[in-house]
Protein backbone atom coordinates (compact mmCIF):
# COMPACT_ATOMS: atom_id res chain seq x y z
CA SER A 1 75.36 86.80 89.62
CA ASN A 2 78.71 85.23 90.59
CA VAL A 3 80.50 87.08 87.43
CA ASP A 4 79.79 90.05 88.99
CA ALA A 5 80.83 88.91 92.63
CA GLU A 6 84.33 87.76 91.08
CA TYR A 7 85.00 90.99 89.29
CA CYS A 8 84.02 93.11 92.20
CA PHE A 9 86.31 91.20 94.39
CA LEU A 10 89.00 91.01 92.01
CA ALA A 11 89.03 94.45 91.00
CA GLY A 12 89.73 95.60 94.25
CA HIS A 13 86.25 97.44 94.30
CA CYS A 14 85.56 95.58 97.99
CA ASP A 15 89.04 96.96 99.44
CA SER A 16 88.44 100.43 97.61
CA PRO A 17 89.19 103.35 99.86
CA HIS A 18 86.20 105.37 97.95
CA ASN A 19 82.51 105.05 98.85
CA PRO A 20 80.68 106.82 95.80
CA THR A 21 77.54 108.09 96.16
CA ASP A 22 74.32 108.64 94.14
CA GLY A 23 75.56 112.04 93.73
CA SER A 24 79.27 111.35 92.90
CA SER A 25 80.55 112.97 89.52
CA VAL A 26 82.39 111.83 86.51
CA GLU A 27 85.24 114.16 87.78
CA GLU A 28 85.46 112.38 91.03
CA MET A 29 85.05 108.96 89.08
CA GLU A 30 87.97 110.11 86.71
CA LYS A 31 90.41 111.04 89.89
CA MET A 32 89.82 107.55 91.38
CA CYS A 33 90.81 105.82 87.98
CA ASP A 34 93.75 108.16 87.66
CA ALA A 35 94.82 107.01 91.14
CA LYS A 36 94.47 103.66 90.57
CA TYR A 37 95.67 103.33 86.74
CA GLY A 38 97.37 106.24 85.70
CA ALA A 39 95.66 108.85 83.97
CA GLU A 40 97.58 108.48 80.51
CA HIS A 41 96.91 104.74 80.52
CA TRP A 42 93.27 104.16 81.14
CA ARG A 43 92.33 107.16 78.88
CA TYR A 44 94.39 105.88 76.06
CA LYS A 45 93.24 102.61 76.78
CA PHE A 46 89.35 102.91 76.99
CA GLY A 47 89.03 106.68 76.75
CA LYS A 48 86.29 107.93 74.05
CA ASN A 49 89.28 107.78 71.51
CA ALA A 50 90.54 104.73 72.32
CA PRO A 51 91.23 101.67 69.51
CA GLY A 52 89.35 98.83 70.94
CA SER A 53 85.90 98.01 71.89
CA ILE A 54 84.36 96.07 74.65
CA LEU A 55 83.65 93.01 72.35
CA THR A 56 87.34 92.80 71.33
CA SER A 57 88.28 92.80 75.04
CA ILE A 58 85.86 89.96 75.82
CA ALA A 59 86.89 88.28 72.57
CA GLN A 60 90.51 88.31 73.51
CA GLY A 61 89.47 87.28 76.72
CA VAL A 62 87.95 84.21 75.91
CA ALA A 63 90.83 83.41 73.33
CA THR A 64 93.47 83.78 75.77
CA GLY A 65 91.77 82.13 78.59
CA LYS A 66 91.38 85.20 80.55
CA VAL A 67 87.84 84.65 80.59
CA TYR A 68 86.72 80.81 81.15
CA VAL A 69 83.62 79.76 79.33
CA ASP A 70 82.05 76.37 79.44
CA LEU A 71 80.49 76.18 76.22
CA PHE A 72 78.33 73.05 77.25
CA HIS A 73 76.97 75.35 80.18
CA PRO A 74 77.23 79.15 79.15
CA GLY A 75 75.93 80.19 82.69
CA ARG A 76 79.41 79.01 84.01
CA VAL A 77 81.59 81.84 83.52
CA MET A 78 84.36 82.62 85.36
CA VAL A 79 87.05 85.72 85.48
CA ASN A 80 90.69 86.04 86.02
CA GLN A 81 92.56 88.91 87.31
CA ALA A 82 93.65 90.17 84.09
CA PHE A 83 89.91 90.06 82.77
CA ALA A 84 88.53 92.18 86.20
CA ASP A 85 91.50 94.70 85.83
CA THR A 86 90.42 95.42 81.98
CA MET A 87 86.86 95.55 82.70
CA ALA A 88 87.35 97.81 85.71
CA GLU A 89 89.51 100.27 83.16
CA LEU A 90 87.03 100.40 80.54
CA ALA A 91 84.37 100.97 83.14
CA CYS A 92 86.57 104.14 83.94
CA GLY A 93 86.48 104.66 80.10
CA MET A 94 82.74 104.50 79.86
CA GLY A 95 82.41 106.55 82.57
CA ASN A 96 80.73 104.31 84.98
CA TYR A 97 83.60 103.23 87.33
CA HIS A 98 82.51 105.01 90.06
CA CYS A 99 79.05 102.72 89.83
CA ASP A 100 80.54 99.74 89.73
CA VAL A 101 82.27 100.49 92.92
CA ALA A 102 79.16 101.09 94.61
CA TYR A 103 77.29 98.38 93.30
CA CYS A 104 79.89 96.10 94.29
CA LYS A 105 80.02 97.63 97.69
CA GLN A 106 76.37 97.29 98.07
CA THR A 107 75.56 94.26 96.68
CA PHE A 108 78.36 91.85 97.16
CA CYS A 109 81.35 93.07 99.58
CA THR A 110 79.58 92.89 102.61
CA HIS A 111 77.19 90.24 101.82
CA PRO A 112 78.03 86.90 103.66
CA TYR A 113 77.06 84.32 100.86
CA TRP A 114 79.11 86.40 98.17
CA SER A 115 82.10 87.34 100.71
CA SER A 116 82.33 83.54 101.82
CA LEU A 117 82.97 82.59 98.06
CA HIS A 118 85.31 85.26 96.85
CA SER A 119 86.44 87.23 100.01
CA HIS A 120 90.15 85.43 99.03
CA LEU A 121 90.34 86.98 95.51
CA GLY A 122 90.39 90.72 97.03
CA VAL A 123 93.55 89.28 99.51
CA GLU A 124 94.81 87.88 95.85
CA ALA A 125 94.19 91.23 93.69
CA ALA A 126 96.49 92.84 96.55
CA ARG A 127 99.03 90.59 96.68
CA ASN A 128 99.55 90.55 92.64
CA ASN A 129 99.57 94.60 93.26
CA GLU A 130 102.34 93.92 96.03
CA ARG A 131 104.07 91.51 93.85
CA LYS A 132 104.03 94.20 90.68
CA ALA A 133 105.47 97.12 92.70
CA GLN A 134 108.21 95.11 93.97
CA LYS A 135 109.18 94.15 90.42
CA ALA A 136 108.95 97.56 89.14
CA ALA A 137 110.97 98.67 92.47
CA LYS A 138 113.82 96.23 91.63
CA ALA A 139 113.57 97.16 87.99
CA GLY A 140 114.08 100.62 88.89
CA GLY A 141 111.13 101.51 87.35
CA THR A 142 107.17 102.23 88.32
CA THR A 143 104.37 100.06 87.38
CA ARG A 144 100.43 100.58 87.38
CA LEU A 145 98.32 98.93 90.13
């Protein structure tokens, strides 16, 4: 679906250096999530003892405009960078991040139709990450990407 494709490109799965296979382990997935989000961050925010839930994340996303829903046409849903990042971190907490990356790479990332519609989102995501890193460097700190 279009939402899945948007998520794949915005979350950076299409540009991921990782190529998970059917035999990829949860331990490998945790290393991928640690590298991308920081071990403490995703584990606290979305791990098994996390304070939130997927329904809360979605409801907050709709309420704050991070998830666009056309109430007259519920099939027209669009996501933005913040929501894609949240869902990818949630996938870490649920233990299926590596499956998301594999699904995206196999289904959307190299498909000409989806690539023509959404490949710019991957570039946008990379630019956003670069901006975050530059801001953190100027402030003398670090940031999660």
